[in-house]
């Protein structure tokens, strides 16, 4: 049941974002920034963490979840270390996810070769 809920919630988030992309003239990079900022905002007002507890990976994997994770890391680091936590909290909280993305994309670059257009 948890897998189904995660699939449905994650799919719903992605569907809403796809509809937003199709109906606006915003570039994908700007939409990604909006999603991360939205996650940070929802994390700051305390809405997104209970949603993550309920929806599981369906809410924590999309970019909105990444923004929430960044805010949570920064908040904990500022509470613990003060002003310097603004700069290192987000990196500490998201280090595993960022490292995995870098490692797996590097491995994929060994396996697959780009097709250059002429």
PDB file of N, CA and C in Angstrom:
ATOM      1  N   UNK A   1       0.819  -1.199   0.000  1.00  0.00           N
ATOM      2  CA  UNK A   1       0.000   0.000   0.000  1.00  0.00           C
ATOM      3  C   UNK A   1       0.861   1.261   0.000  1.00  0.00           C
ATOM      4  N   UNK A   2       2.004   1.227   0.717  1.00  0.00           N
ATOM      5  CA  UNK A   2       2.893   2.385   0.752  1.00  0.00           C
ATOM      6  C   UNK A   2       3.444   2.700  -0.631  1.00  0.00           C
ATOM      7  N   UNK A   3       3.756   1.643  -1.395  1.00  0.00           N
ATOM      8  CA  UNK A   3       4.273   1.861  -2.749  1.00  0.00           C
ATOM      9  C   UNK A   3       3.218   2.515  -3.633  1.00  0.00           C
ATOM     10  N   UNK A   4       1.997   2.062  -3.523  1.00  0.00           N
ATOM     11  CA  UNK A   4       0.921   2.615  -4.328  1.00  0.00           C
ATOM     12  C   UNK A   4       0.680   4.082  -3.975  1.00  0.00           C
ATOM     13  N   UNK A   5       0.676   4.386  -2.675  1.00  0.00           N
ATOM     14  CA  UNK A   5       0.472   5.767  -2.243  1.00  0.00           C
ATOM     15  C   UNK A   5       1.610   6.658  -2.737  1.00  0.00           C
ATOM     16  N   UNK A   6       2.854   6.184  -2.621  1.00  0.00           N
ATOM     17  CA  UNK A   6       3.995   6.963  -3.098  1.00  0.00           C
ATOM     18  C   UNK A   6       3.921   7.190  -4.602  1.00  0.00           C
ATOM     19  N   UNK A   7       3.533   6.146  -5.335  1.00  0.00           N
ATOM     20  CA  UNK A   7       3.404   6.255  -6.787  1.00  0.00           C
ATOM     21  C   UNK A   7       2.325   7.261  -7.175  1.00  0.00           C
ATOM     22  N   UNK A   8       1.187   7.192  -6.520  1.00  0.00           N
ATOM     23  CA  UNK A   8       0.082   8.092  -6.851  1.00  0.00           C
ATOM     24  C   UNK A   8       0.392   9.542  -6.477  1.00  0.00           C
ATOM     25  N   UNK A   9       0.963   9.749  -5.301  1.00  0.00           N
ATOM     26  CA  UNK A   9       1.284  11.115  -4.867  1.00  0.00           C
ATOM     27  C   UNK A   9       2.388  11.704  -5.735  1.00  0.00           C
ATOM     28  N   UNK A  10       3.464  10.943  -5.957  1.00  0.00           N
ATOM     29  CA  UNK A  10       4.548  11.426  -6.814  1.00  0.00           C
ATOM     30  C   UNK A  10       4.071  11.679  -8.232  1.00  0.00           C
ATOM     31  N   UNK A  11       3.229  10.785  -8.744  1.00  0.00           N
ATOM     32  CA  UNK A  11       2.679  10.974 -10.080  1.00  0.00           C
ATOM     33  C   UNK A  11       1.788  12.195 -10.165  1.00  0.00           C
ATOM     34  N   UNK A  12       1.003  12.441  -9.120  1.00  0.00           N
ATOM     35  CA  UNK A  12       0.130  13.620  -9.104  1.00  0.00           C
ATOM     36  C   UNK A  12       0.951  14.907  -9.091  1.00  0.00           C
ATOM     37  N   UNK A  13       2.020  14.917  -8.304  1.00  0.00           N
ATOM     38  CA  UNK A  13       2.895  16.107  -8.278  1.00  0.00           C
ATOM     39  C   UNK A  13       3.506  16.332  -9.652  1.00  0.00           C
ATOM     40  N   UNK A  14       4.003  15.268 -10.265  1.00  0.00           N
ATOM     41  CA  UNK A  14       4.611  15.388 -11.591  1.00  0.00           C
ATOM     42  C   UNK A  14       3.585  15.799 -12.644  1.00  0.00           C
ATOM     43  N   UNK A  15       2.358  15.300 -12.536  1.00  0.00           N
ATOM     44  CA  UNK A  15       1.314  15.668 -13.496  1.00  0.00           C
ATOM     45  C   UNK A  15       0.958  17.148 -13.379  1.00  0.00           C
ATOM     46  N   UNK A  16       0.850  17.642 -12.158  1.00  0.00           N
ATOM     47  CA  UNK A  16       0.546  19.061 -11.954  1.00  0.00           C
ATOM     48  C   UNK A  16       1.671  19.928 -12.528  1.00  0.00           C
ATOM     49  N   UNK A  17       2.901  19.535 -12.301  1.00  0.00           N
ATOM     50  CA  UNK A  17       4.040  20.290 -12.830  1.00  0.00           C
ATOM     51  C   UNK A  17       4.053  20.227 -14.357  1.00  0.00           C
ATOM     52  N   UNK A  18       3.735  19.069 -14.938  1.00  0.00           N
ATOM     53  CA  UNK A  18       3.702  18.950 -16.400  1.00  0.00           C
ATOM     54  C   UNK A  18       2.613  19.839 -16.994  1.00  0.00           C
ATOM     55  N   UNK A  19       1.454  19.888 -16.365  1.00  0.00           N
ATOM     56  CA  UNK A  19       0.380  20.779 -16.826  1.00  0.00           C
ATOM     57  C   UNK A  19       0.834  22.231 -16.739  1.00  0.00           C
ATOM     58  N   UNK A  20       1.524  22.567 -15.658  1.00  0.00           N
ATOM     59  CA  UNK A  20       2.062  23.922 -15.482  1.00  0.00           C
ATOM     60  C   UNK A  20       3.072  24.246 -16.584  1.00  0.00           C
ATOM     61  N   UNK A  21       3.941  23.289 -16.915  1.00  0.00           N
ATOM     62  CA  UNK A  21       4.937  23.498 -17.967  1.00  0.00           C
ATOM     63  C   UNK A  21       4.271  23.671 -19.329  1.00  0.00           C
ATOM     64  N   UNK A  22       3.230  22.909 -19.588  1.00  0.00           N
ATOM     65  CA  UNK A  22       2.553  22.973 -20.881  1.00  0.00           C
ATOM     66  C   UNK A  22       1.747  24.257 -21.070  1.00  0.00           C
ATOM     67  N   UNK A  23       1.278  24.835 -19.992  1.00  0.00           N
ATOM     68  CA  UNK A  23       0.375  25.984 -20.086  1.00  0.00           C
ATOM     69  C   UNK A  23       1.034  27.319 -19.772  1.00  0.00           C
ATOM     70  N   UNK A  24       2.313  27.334 -19.520  1.00  0.00           N
ATOM     71  CA  UNK A  24       3.027  28.595 -19.307  1.00  0.00           C
ATOM     72  C   UNK A  24       4.207  28.653 -20.265  1.00  0.00           C
ATOM     73  N   UNK A  25       4.790  29.807 -20.365  1.00  0.00           N
ATOM     74  CA  UNK A  25       5.963  29.970 -21.218  1.00  0.00           C
ATOM     75  C   UNK A  25       7.255  29.977 -20.404  1.00  0.00           C
ATOM     76  N   UNK A  26       7.162  29.537 -19.160  1.00  0.00           N
ATOM     77  CA  UNK A  26       8.357  29.484 -18.316  1.00  0.00           C
ATOM     78  C   UNK A  26       9.286  28.370 -18.779  1.00  0.00           C
ATOM     79  N   UNK A  27      10.566  28.646 -18.714  1.00  0.00           N
ATOM     80  CA  UNK A  27      11.568  27.652 -19.082  1.00  0.00           C
ATOM     81  C   UNK A  27      11.649  26.590 -17.977  1.00  0.00           C
ATOM     82  N   UNK A  28      12.029  25.348 -18.325  1.00  0.00           N
ATOM     83  CA  UNK A  28      12.093  24.276 -17.317  1.00  0.00           C
ATOM     84  C   UNK A  28      13.006  24.601 -16.134  1.00  0.00           C
ATOM     85  N   UNK A  29      14.098  25.296 -16.379  1.00  0.00           N
ATOM     86  CA  UNK A  29      14.991  25.658 -15.270  1.00  0.00           C
ATOM     87  C   UNK A  29      14.316  26.556 -14.256  1.00  0.00           C
ATOM     88  N   UNK A  30      13.525  27.488 -14.734  1.00  0.00           N
ATOM     89  CA  UNK A  30      12.814  28.384 -13.815  1.00  0.00           C
ATOM     90  C   UNK A  30      11.745  27.630 -13.035  1.00  0.00           C
ATOM     91  N   UNK A  31      11.097  26.696 -13.698  1.00  0.00           N
ATOM     92  CA  UNK A  31      10.089  25.894 -13.008  1.00  0.00           C
ATOM     93  C   UNK A  31      10.744  25.042 -11.925  1.00  0.00           C
ATOM     94  N   UNK A  32      11.926  24.515 -12.199  1.00  0.00           N
ATOM     95  CA  UNK A  32      12.641  23.729 -11.188  1.00  0.00           C
ATOM     96  C   UNK A  32      12.992  24.596  -9.982  1.00  0.00           C
ATOM     97  N   UNK A  33      13.424  25.821 -10.231  1.00  0.00           N
ATOM     98  CA  UNK A  33      13.736  26.736  -9.128  1.00  0.00           C
ATOM     99  C   UNK A  33      12.468  27.064  -8.338  1.00  0.00           C
ATOM    100  N   UNK A  34      11.361  27.269  -9.026  1.00  0.00           N
ATOM    101  CA  UNK A  34      10.080  27.535  -8.348  1.00  0.00           C
ATOM    102  C   UNK A  34       9.706  26.359  -7.450  1.00  0.00           C
ATOM    103  N   UNK A  35       9.906  25.128  -7.931  1.00  0.00           N
ATOM    104  CA  UNK A  35       9.557  23.951  -7.134  1.00  0.00           C
ATOM    105  C   UNK A  35      10.414  23.844  -5.878  1.00  0.00           C
ATOM    106  N   UNK A  36      11.712  24.088  -6.007  1.00  0.00           N
ATOM    107  CA  UNK A  36      12.598  24.026  -4.836  1.00  0.00           C
ATOM    108  C   UNK A  36      12.232  25.127  -3.845  1.00  0.00           C
ATOM    109  N   UNK A  37      11.970  26.330  -4.339  1.00  0.00           N
ATOM    110  CA  UNK A  37      11.574  27.426  -3.449  1.00  0.00           C
ATOM    111  C   UNK A  37      10.225  27.155  -2.795  1.00  0.00           C
ATOM    112  N   UNK A  38       9.292  26.560  -3.547  1.00  0.00           N
ATOM    113  CA  UNK A  38       7.998  26.189  -2.982  1.00  0.00           C
ATOM    114  C   UNK A  38       8.166  25.162  -1.864  1.00  0.00           C
ATOM    115  N   UNK A  39       9.035  24.188  -2.077  1.00  0.00           N
ATOM    116  CA  UNK A  39       9.301  23.199  -1.032  1.00  0.00           C
ATOM    117  C   UNK A  39       9.905  23.827   0.205  1.00  0.00           C
ATOM    118  N   UNK A  40      10.811  24.788   0.009  1.00  0.00           N
ATOM    119  CA  UNK A  40      11.399  25.490   1.152  1.00  0.00           C
ATOM    120  C   UNK A  40      10.348  26.292   1.904  1.00  0.00           C
ATOM    121  N   UNK A  41       9.485  26.955   1.162  1.00  0.00           N
ATOM    122  CA  UNK A  41       8.429  27.747   1.787  1.00  0.00           C
ATOM    123  C   UNK A  41       7.452  26.862   2.553  1.00  0.00           C
ATOM    124  N   UNK A  42       7.032  25.756   1.928  1.00  0.00           N
ATOM    125  CA  UNK A  42       6.111  24.845   2.604  1.00  0.00           C
ATOM    126  C   UNK A  42       6.770  24.183   3.821  1.00  0.00           C
ATOM    127  N   UNK A  43       8.074  23.930   3.728  1.00  0.00           N
ATOM    128  CA  UNK A  43       8.800  23.405   4.885  1.00  0.00           C
ATOM    129  C   UNK A  43       8.891  24.439   5.998  1.00  0.00           C
ATOM    130  N   UNK A  44       9.068  25.705   5.622  1.00  0.00           N
ATOM    131  CA  UNK A  44       9.198  26.771   6.625  1.00  0.00           C
ATOM    132  C   UNK A  44       7.909  26.989   7.397  1.00  0.00           C
ATOM    133  N   UNK A  45       6.774  26.858   6.723  1.00  0.00           N
ATOM    134  CA  UNK A  45       5.510  27.076   7.444  1.00  0.00           C
ATOM    135  C   UNK A  45       5.002  25.794   8.104  1.00  0.00           C
ATOM    136  N   UNK A  46       5.748  24.698   7.945  1.00  0.00           N
ATOM    137  CA  UNK A  46       5.434  23.467   8.658  1.00  0.00           C
ATOM    138  C   UNK A  46       4.392  22.579   8.001  1.00  0.00           C
ATOM    139  N   UNK A  47       4.136  22.777   6.720  1.00  0.00           N
ATOM    140  CA  UNK A  47       3.114  22.003   6.026  1.00  0.00           C
ATOM    141  C   UNK A  47       3.694  20.755   5.364  1.00  0.00           C
ATOM    142  N   UNK A  48       4.896  20.864   4.827  1.00  0.00           N
ATOM    143  CA  UNK A  48       5.393  19.787   3.976  1.00  0.00           C
ATOM    144  C   UNK A  48       5.902  18.572   4.754  1.00  0.00           C
ATOM    145  N   UNK A  49       6.447  18.752   5.930  1.00  0.00           N
ATOM    146  CA  UNK A  49       6.965  17.610   6.694  1.00  0.00           C
ATOM    147  C   UNK A  49       5.871  16.621   7.080  1.00  0.00           C
ATOM    148  N   UNK A  50       4.714  17.065   7.568  1.00  0.00           N
ATOM    149  CA  UNK A  50       3.632  16.097   7.809  1.00  0.00           C
ATOM    150  C   UNK A  50       3.157  15.417   6.523  1.00  0.00           C
ATOM    151  N   UNK A  51       3.180  16.150   5.408  1.00  0.00           N
ATOM    152  CA  UNK A  51       2.805  15.570   4.120  1.00  0.00           C
ATOM    153  C   UNK A  51       3.808  14.486   3.710  1.00  0.00           C
ATOM    154  N   UNK A  52       5.101  14.711   3.971  1.00  0.00           N
ATOM    155  CA  UNK A  52       6.122  13.696   3.680  1.00  0.00           C
ATOM    156  C   UNK A  52       5.901  12.464   4.556  1.00  0.00           C
ATOM    157  N   UNK A  53       5.572  12.671   5.818  1.00  0.00           N
ATOM    158  CA  UNK A  53       5.315  11.527   6.705  1.00  0.00           C
ATOM    159  C   UNK A  53       4.147  10.689   6.206  1.00  0.00           C
ATOM    160  N   UNK A  54       3.131  11.346   5.665  1.00  0.00           N
ATOM    161  CA  UNK A  54       1.965  10.632   5.158  1.00  0.00           C
ATOM    162  C   UNK A  54       2.229  10.005   3.792  1.00  0.00           C
ATOM    163  N   UNK A  55       2.822  10.743   2.869  1.00  0.00           N
ATOM    164  CA  UNK A  55       2.967  10.277   1.484  1.00  0.00           C
ATOM    165  C   UNK A  55       4.261   9.515   1.228  1.00  0.00           C
ATOM    166  N   UNK A  56       5.224   9.608   2.111  1.00  0.00           N
ATOM    167  CA  UNK A  56       6.483   8.886   1.939  1.00  0.00           C
ATOM    168  C   UNK A  56       7.301   9.408   0.773  1.00  0.00           C
ATOM    169  N   UNK A  57       7.864   8.476   0.000  1.00  0.00           N
ATOM    170  CA  UNK A  57       8.757   8.845  -1.100  1.00  0.00           C
ATOM    171  C   UNK A  57       8.037   9.614  -2.194  1.00  0.00           C
ATOM    172  N   UNK A  58       6.743   9.478  -2.301  1.00  0.00           N
ATOM    173  CA  UNK A  58       6.001  10.226  -3.303  1.00  0.00           C
ATOM    174  C   UNK A  58       6.089  11.724  -3.104  1.00  0.00           C
ATOM    175  N   UNK A  59       6.319  12.157  -1.879  1.00  0.00           N
ATOM    176  CA  UNK A  59       6.450  13.581  -1.586  1.00  0.00           C
ATOM    177  C   UNK A  59       7.891  14.007  -1.378  1.00  0.00           C
ATOM    178  N   UNK A  60       8.758  13.091  -0.976  1.00  0.00           N
ATOM    179  CA  UNK A  60      10.136  13.490  -0.683  1.00  0.00           C
ATOM    180  C   UNK A  60      11.060  13.427  -1.890  1.00  0.00           C
ATOM    181  N   UNK A  61      10.720  12.658  -2.916  1.00  0.00           N
ATOM    182  CA  UNK A  61      11.601  12.513  -4.074  1.00  0.00           C
ATOM    183  C   UNK A  61      11.512  13.686  -5.060  1.00  0.00           C
ATOM    184  N   UNK A  62      10.337  14.248  -5.370  1.00  0.00           N
ATOM    185  CA  UNK A  62      10.302  15.373  -6.310  1.00  0.00           C
ATOM    186  C   UNK A  62      11.055  16.597  -5.791  1.00  0.00           C
ATOM    187  N   UNK A  63      11.252  17.570  -6.656  1.00  0.00           N
ATOM    188  CA  UNK A  63      12.023  18.764  -6.297  1.00  0.00           C
ATOM    189  C   UNK A  63      11.420  19.542  -5.141  1.00  0.00           C
ATOM    190  N   UNK A  64      10.129  19.452  -4.952  1.00  0.00           N
ATOM    191  CA  UNK A  64       9.506  20.123  -3.810  1.00  0.00           C
ATOM    192  C   UNK A  64      10.049  19.520  -2.515  1.00  0.00           C
ATOM    193  N   UNK A  65      10.233  18.212  -2.497  1.00  0.00           N
ATOM    194  CA  UNK A  65      10.812  17.545  -1.337  1.00  0.00           C
ATOM    195  C   UNK A  65      12.258  17.938  -1.109  1.00  0.00           C
ATOM    196  N   UNK A  66      12.999  18.171  -2.200  1.00  0.00           N
ATOM    197  CA  UNK A  66      14.383  18.624  -2.081  1.00  0.00           C
ATOM    198  C   UNK A  66      14.440  20.003  -1.428  1.00  0.00           C
ATOM    199  N   UNK A  67      13.542  20.885  -1.815  1.00  0.00           N
ATOM    200  CA  UNK A  67      13.488  22.202  -1.191  1.00  0.00           C
ATOM    201  C   UNK A  67      13.164  22.116   0.285  1.00  0.00           C
ATOM    202  N   UNK A  68      12.254  21.236   0.630  1.00  0.00           N
ATOM    203  CA  UNK A  68      11.907  21.035   2.036  1.00  0.00           C
ATOM    204  C   UNK A  68      13.099  20.487   2.824  1.00  0.00           C
ATOM    205  N   UNK A  69      13.831  19.569   2.211  1.00  0.00           N
ATOM    206  CA  UNK A  69      15.019  19.011   2.854  1.00  0.00           C
ATOM    207  C   UNK A  69      16.088  20.077   3.071  1.00  0.00           C
ATOM    208  N   UNK A  70      16.284  20.951   2.083  1.00  0.00           N
ATOM    209  CA  UNK A  70      17.250  22.041   2.240  1.00  0.00           C
ATOM    210  C   UNK A  70      16.867  22.943   3.405  1.00  0.00           C
ATOM    211  N   UNK A  71      15.594  23.307   3.487  1.00  0.00           N
ATOM    212  CA  UNK A  71      15.161  24.167   4.587  1.00  0.00           C
ATOM    213  C   UNK A  71      15.358  23.487   5.931  1.00  0.00           C
ATOM    214  N   UNK A  72      14.996  22.218   5.999  1.00  0.00           N
ATOM    215  CA  UNK A  72      15.133  21.486   7.259  1.00  0.00           C
ATOM    216  C   UNK A  72      16.600  21.435   7.697  1.00  0.00           C
ATOM    217  N   UNK A  73      17.504  21.181   6.759  1.00  0.00           N
ATOM    218  CA  UNK A  73      18.932  21.139   7.083  1.00  0.00           C
ATOM    219  C   UNK A  73      19.461  22.486   7.536  1.00  0.00           C
ATOM    220  N   UNK A  74      19.037  23.542   6.857  1.00  0.00           N
ATOM    221  CA  UNK A  74      19.492  24.883   7.229  1.00  0.00           C
ATOM    222  C   UNK A  74      18.951  25.265   8.597  1.00  0.00           C
ATOM    223  N   UNK A  75      17.690  24.952   8.866  1.00  0.00           N
ATOM    224  CA  UNK A  75      17.091  25.290  10.161  1.00  0.00           C
ATOM    225  C   UNK A  75      17.829  24.591  11.300  1.00  0.00           C
ATOM    226  N   UNK A  76      18.112  23.294  11.123  1.00  0.00           N
ATOM    227  CA  UNK A  76      18.826  22.553  12.166  1.00  0.00           C
ATOM    228  C   UNK A  76      20.240  23.091  12.360  1.00  0.00           C
ATOM    229  N   UNK A  77      20.921  23.426  11.264  1.00  0.00           N
ATOM    230  CA  UNK A  77      22.292  23.927  11.374  1.00  0.00           C
ATOM    231  C   UNK A  77      22.341  25.315  12.002  1.00  0.00           C
ATOM    232  N   UNK A  78      21.373  26.160  11.688  1.00  0.00           N
ATOM    233  CA  UNK A  78      21.339  27.494  12.298  1.00  0.00           C
ATOM    234  C   UNK A  78      21.047  27.379  13.789  1.00  0.00           C
ATOM    235  N   UNK A  79      20.141  26.490  14.172  1.00  0.00           N
ATOM    236  CA  UNK A  79      19.858  26.295  15.593  1.00  0.00           C
ATOM    237  C   UNK A  79      21.075  25.773  16.340  1.00  0.00           C
ATOM    238  N   UNK A  80      21.874  24.943  15.681  1.00  0.00           N
ATOM    239  CA  UNK A  80      23.017  24.306  16.328  1.00  0.00           C
ATOM    240  C   UNK A  80      24.280  25.161  16.276  1.00  0.00           C
ATOM    241  N   UNK A  81      24.545  25.789  15.111  1.00  0.00           N
ATOM    242  CA  UNK A  81      25.832  26.454  14.915  1.00  0.00           C
ATOM    243  C   UNK A  81      25.739  27.953  14.684  1.00  0.00           C
ATOM    244  N   UNK A  82      24.548  28.485  14.583  1.00  0.00           N
ATOM    245  CA  UNK A  82      24.396  29.916  14.375  1.00  0.00           C
ATOM    246  C   UNK A  82      24.432  30.298  12.904  1.00  0.00           C
ATOM    247  N   UNK A  83      24.973  31.488  12.635  1.00  0.00           N
ATOM    248  CA  UNK A  83      24.944  32.076  11.299  1.00  0.00           C
ATOM    249  C   UNK A  83      25.609  31.204  10.243  1.00  0.00           C
ATOM    250  N   UNK A  84      26.673  30.524  10.575  1.00  0.00           N
ATOM    251  CA  UNK A  84      27.388  29.687   9.604  1.00  0.00           C
ATOM    252  C   UNK A  84      26.498  28.544   9.094  1.00  0.00           C
ATOM    253  N   UNK A  85      25.482  28.185   9.855  1.00  0.00           N
ATOM    254  CA  UNK A  85      24.552  27.139   9.446  1.00  0.00           C
ATOM    255  C   UNK A  85      23.773  27.473   8.192  1.00  0.00           C
ATOM    256  N   UNK A  86      23.641  28.780   7.902  1.00  0.00           N
ATOM    257  CA  UNK A  86      22.993  29.188   6.657  1.00  0.00           C
ATOM    258  C   UNK A  86      23.726  28.638   5.441  1.00  0.00           C
ATOM    259  N   UNK A  87      25.023  28.527   5.543  1.00  0.00           N
ATOM    260  CA  UNK A  87      25.836  28.144   4.399  1.00  0.00           C
ATOM    261  C   UNK A  87      26.132  26.653   4.331  1.00  0.00           C
ATOM    262  N   UNK A  88      26.134  25.977   5.451  1.00  0.00           N
ATOM    263  CA  UNK A  88      26.481  24.559   5.415  1.00  0.00           C
ATOM    264  C   UNK A  88      25.334  23.603   5.708  1.00  0.00           C
ATOM    265  N   UNK A  89      24.234  24.087   6.223  1.00  0.00           N
ATOM    266  CA  UNK A  89      23.121  23.214   6.592  1.00  0.00           C
ATOM    267  C   UNK A  89      22.480  22.495   5.426  1.00  0.00           C
ATOM    268  N   UNK A  90      22.259  23.210   4.335  1.00  0.00           N
ATOM    269  CA  UNK A  90      21.638  22.600   3.167  1.00  0.00           C
ATOM    270  C   UNK A  90      22.518  21.536   2.534  1.00  0.00           C
ATOM    271  N   UNK A  91      23.823  21.797   2.502  1.00  0.00           N
ATOM    272  CA  UNK A  91      24.750  20.816   1.940  1.00  0.00           C
ATOM    273  C   UNK A  91      24.839  19.570   2.812  1.00  0.00           C
ATOM    274  N   UNK A  92      24.846  19.757   4.107  1.00  0.00           N
ATOM    275  CA  UNK A  92      24.920  18.618   5.019  1.00  0.00           C
ATOM    276  C   UNK A  92      23.678  17.735   4.890  1.00  0.00           C
ATOM    277  N   UNK A  93      22.512  18.351   4.807  1.00  0.00           N
ATOM    278  CA  UNK A  93      21.261  17.589   4.753  1.00  0.00           C
ATOM    279  C   UNK A  93      21.089  16.843   3.439  1.00  0.00           C
ATOM    280  N   UNK A  94      21.572  17.421   2.351  1.00  0.00           N
ATOM    281  CA  UNK A  94      21.334  16.820   1.038  1.00  0.00           C
ATOM    282  C   UNK A  94      22.564  16.168   0.431  1.00  0.00           C
ATOM    283  N   UNK A  95      23.617  15.988   1.199  1.00  0.00           N
ATOM    284  CA  UNK A  95      24.878  15.472   0.660  1.00  0.00           C
ATOM    285  C   UNK A  95      24.735  14.077   0.054  1.00  0.00           C
ATOM    286  N   UNK A  96      23.990  13.204   0.685  1.00  0.00           N
ATOM    287  CA  UNK A  96      23.855  11.833   0.182  1.00  0.00           C
ATOM    288  C   UNK A  96      23.135  11.820  -1.160  1.00  0.00           C
ATOM    289  N   UNK A  97      22.057  12.551  -1.284  1.00  0.00           N
ATOM    290  CA  UNK A  97      21.308  12.597  -2.534  1.00  0.00           C
ATOM    291  C   UNK A  97      22.108  13.212  -3.669  1.00  0.00           C
ATOM    292  N   UNK A  98      22.801  14.299  -3.384  1.00  0.00           N
ATOM    293  CA  UNK A  98      23.619  14.952  -4.411  1.00  0.00           C
ATOM    294  C   UNK A  98      24.775  14.049  -4.819  1.00  0.00           C
ATOM    295  N   UNK A  99      25.413  13.404  -3.854  1.00  0.00           N
ATOM    296  CA  UNK A  99      26.516  12.489  -4.162  1.00  0.00           C
ATOM    297  C   UNK A  99      26.036  11.317  -5.008  1.00  0.00           C
ATOM    298  N   UNK A 100      24.886  10.758  -4.678  1.00  0.00           N
ATOM    299  CA  UNK A 100      24.354   9.645  -5.464  1.00  0.00           C
ATOM    300  C   UNK A 100      24.058  10.078  -6.889  1.00  0.00           C
ATOM    301  N   UNK A 101      23.491  11.268  -7.062  1.00  0.00           N
ATOM    302  CA  UNK A 101      23.205  11.764  -8.414  1.00  0.00           C
ATOM    303  C   UNK A 101      24.489  11.930  -9.212  1.00  0.00           C
ATOM    304  N   UNK A 102      25.523  12.465  -8.591  1.00  0.00           N
ATOM    305  CA  UNK A 102      26.803  12.636  -9.289  1.00  0.00           C
ATOM    306  C   UNK A 102      27.445  11.295  -9.641  1.00  0.00           C
ATOM    307  N   UNK A 103      27.448  10.372  -8.706  1.00  0.00           N
ATOM    308  CA  UNK A 103      28.082   9.065  -8.939  1.00  0.00           C
ATOM    309  C   UNK A 103      27.345   8.293 -10.021  1.00  0.00           C
ATOM    310  N   UNK A 104      26.020   8.221  -9.940  1.00  0.00           N
ATOM    311  CA  UNK A 104      25.264   7.448 -10.935  1.00  0.00           C
ATOM    312  C   UNK A 104      25.305   8.094 -12.318  1.00  0.00           C
ATOM    313  N   UNK A 105      25.342   9.421 -12.389  1.00  0.00           N
ATOM    314  CA  UNK A 105      25.454  10.052 -13.704  1.00  0.00           C
ATOM    315  C   UNK A 105      26.844   9.846 -14.293  1.00  0.00           C
ATOM    316  N   UNK A 106      27.864   9.786 -13.449  1.00  0.00           N
ATOM    317  CA  UNK A 106      29.217   9.493 -13.935  1.00  0.00           C
ATOM    318  C   UNK A 106      29.299   8.059 -14.462  1.00  0.00           C
ATOM    319  N   UNK A 107      28.684   7.111 -13.751  1.00  0.00           N
ATOM    320  CA  UNK A 107      28.646   5.724 -14.220  1.00  0.00           C
ATOM    321  C   UNK A 107      27.863   5.637 -15.532  1.00  0.00           C
ATOM    322  N   UNK A 108      26.763   6.355 -15.633  1.00  0.00           N
ATOM    323  CA  UNK A 108      25.977   6.345 -16.868  1.00  0.00           C
ATOM    324  C   UNK A 108      26.780   6.910 -18.036  1.00  0.00           C
ATOM    325  N   UNK A 109      27.663   7.871 -17.769  1.00  0.00           N
ATOM    326  CA  UNK A 109      28.482   8.426 -18.853  1.00  0.00           C
ATOM    327  C   UNK A 109      29.482   7.402 -19.382  1.00  0.00           C
ATOM    328  N   UNK A 110      29.852   6.423 -18.585  1.00  0.00           N
ATOM    329  CA  UNK A 110      30.720   5.341 -19.068  1.00  0.00           C
ATOM    330  C   UNK A 110      29.943   4.373 -19.961  1.00  0.00           C
ATOM    331  N   UNK A 111      28.701   4.130 -19.607  1.00  0.00           N
ATOM    332  CA  UNK A 111      27.903   3.122 -20.300  1.00  0.00           C
ATOM    333  C   UNK A 111      27.337   3.650 -21.613  1.00  0.00           C
ATOM    334  N   UNK A 112      26.833   4.861 -21.605  1.00  0.00           N
ATOM    335  CA  UNK A 112      26.145   5.405 -22.764  1.00  0.00           C
ATOM    336  C   UNK A 112      27.001   6.486 -23.414  1.00  0.00           C
ATOM    337  N   UNK A 113      26.923   6.565 -24.735  1.00  0.00           N
ATOM    338  CA  UNK A 113      27.638   7.635 -25.444  1.00  0.00           C
ATOM    339  C   UNK A 113      26.623   8.554 -26.108  1.00  0.00           C
ATOM    340  N   UNK A 114      26.913   9.849 -26.120  1.00  0.00           N
ATOM    341  CA  UNK A 114      25.954  10.796 -26.702  1.00  0.00           C
ATOM    342  C   UNK A 114      25.915  10.654 -28.220  1.00  0.00           C
ATOM    343  N   UNK A 115      24.769  10.938 -28.769  1.00  0.00           N
ATOM    344  CA  UNK A 115      24.617  10.934 -30.215  1.00  0.00           C
ATOM    345  C   UNK A 115      24.667  12.387 -30.682  1.00  0.00           C
ATOM    346  N   UNK A 116      25.730  12.728 -31.343  1.00  0.00           N
ATOM    347  CA  UNK A 116      25.933  14.102 -31.782  1.00  0.00           C
ATOM    348  C   UNK A 116      25.132  14.335 -33.066  1.00  0.00           C
ATOM    349  N   UNK A 117      24.469  15.480 -33.116  1.00  0.00           N
ATOM    350  CA  UNK A 117      23.725  15.851 -34.325  1.00  0.00           C
ATOM    351  C   UNK A 117      24.683  16.550 -35.289  1.00  0.00           C
ATOM    352  N   UNK A 118      24.540  16.241 -36.554  1.00  0.00           N
ATOM    353  CA  UNK A 118      25.406  16.884 -37.558  1.00  0.00           C
ATOM    354  C   UNK A 118      24.657  17.913 -38.341  1.00  0.00           C
TER     355      UNK A 118
END
